[in-house]
Amino acid sequence: MNIGAIIKLNRINQNLTQEDLADGIISISYLSKIENGKIEPNEEVIKLLCRKLGIQVNNQIDDSIREKCHEWFRLLLTSSDIAELKKMFVEITELLKVIHNSELQILVNIHMIRYYLKIGDTDNAIQKVNSLKDVSGTFNNLQKYYWYKFNGNYYSIIEEENEALHNYTLAEDLIPSIELSQEEVADLQYALSVTYSKFRLTSEAQSYANKALEYYRQVYHFSRCAECHLVLGICYRRINNHDKAIKNYNLAKQLAESTDKKEIILLTHLNIGYLYFVKEDTTEAIKHLDIIINDNESPIHMRLYAITSIIGKCYSINNLEETRKRIQQGLDLINSDNRSKYLAFYYEILCHLYLIDERNEEFEELMVNKFIPYLKDTKNHAKLTEFSEMLGNYFWKKHKYKNAATYYNLVNNSYKKIIQI
């Protein structure tokens, strides 16, 4: 039993310093050695430290507690019912007041990262990550697997894709050395497929999506099948296999409709719209994107994705009337209360507005001092590539060749970061 890791974890969770905990019991240096696993303390010291922390340690685990914890782990993997997840979390936190097994205690704490991410609480998720970092060196392989996987999930959500992929691949490397359910493995494979897709690494994204899809078909997990087909559709679009792309998008849409997964349905319309833009069928593309835009229950960020896609395409084909119409739609969705949340969309809309109104000074000010720096700060390399090229072209047409060269160089650098692993 790694009692040192348990003591350290609970000390950190209670915001106690080593000096606070050691006071009246042992020296700080002795406590440090216990926490780092360098020495095994006697039972009397363990009792005194645990009493001060308000915990009990008994490595003989009760089967009912183990079963309840693993039930919670499975619920976190399979359920999207926030109310159900929160209800069981309360039960689990009560169980944590009495530590029956050190390994299970750490595993439960690691799964709290997934819990916070599932309920959309990224602040508490990163707090839990930070509280576990100091004891992560003591993790066994199973604990390491979930540690890496949930860290990957966190970085994916905050769109730091390099860190997400790094953690996912570390988790994958541990699979041969541990026992995992096929469902857990498929969940990682799906996460890898999405992440590789974001890097435009098509063959890897296809490979992992197909592996995950094989499992989800076997268990009739239709919503996850739909998500896998969506990834495959994106991959086929990127390699210009439009027939297979539309086939996978339609499969995704049908499966999502059968399970009433509205977000996936909207995503299929979004991607079908992109596909028709690639095929130069603007009318058909806008038809699908308007399904999202005109649905008042669609998430704002998805409506803005659709609107900005139309703005970019219509501006590129010099359909300025349609561009202006969509600019107004986008601005109607953004206000002073939500602007910071949708700042990238706001800047994208404004830069097109300034271009078509020939407000050159405002365009340059926005792009040079706000939009490009914002994309750099948020590491949005795909958009940084796109809008650096736009700014480079703008300066080239103005015969400001030195400025143009600066942003063309940024295009090359940001593109390299897109494909950097």
Foldseek 3Di string as FASTA:
>chain_A
DLLLCVLLLLCVVVVHDLCRLCPPQHDSVVSVCSNVVVDDDDPVSSVSSCVVSQEAEAQQDDPVLVVLLVVLVVCLLPDLPLVVNVVSVVVNVVVLSYHYRDLSNLLSLLCVLSSCVSNPNLVVNVVSLVSNPVVLVVHDLVSLLSNLQSQLVSCVVLPVLVSNLVSLVVNVVSVVVDDDDPSVVLVSLQSQLVSCVQLVVLVSNLVSLVSSLVVCVVVVVLQSVLSSLQSNLSSCLVVVVNVSNLVSLVSSLVSCVVVVVVVSNLSSLQVVLVSVVVVVNNVSSLVSLVVQLVPPPHDLVSNLSSLLVNLVSCVVVPVVVSNVVSLVSNVVSDDPVCCVVVVLSVLSSVLSVCVVVVVVVVNCCSLVPPNLVVCVVSLVLVVNLVVLQVVLVVCVVVVVNVSSVVSPVSNVVSSCVSNDD
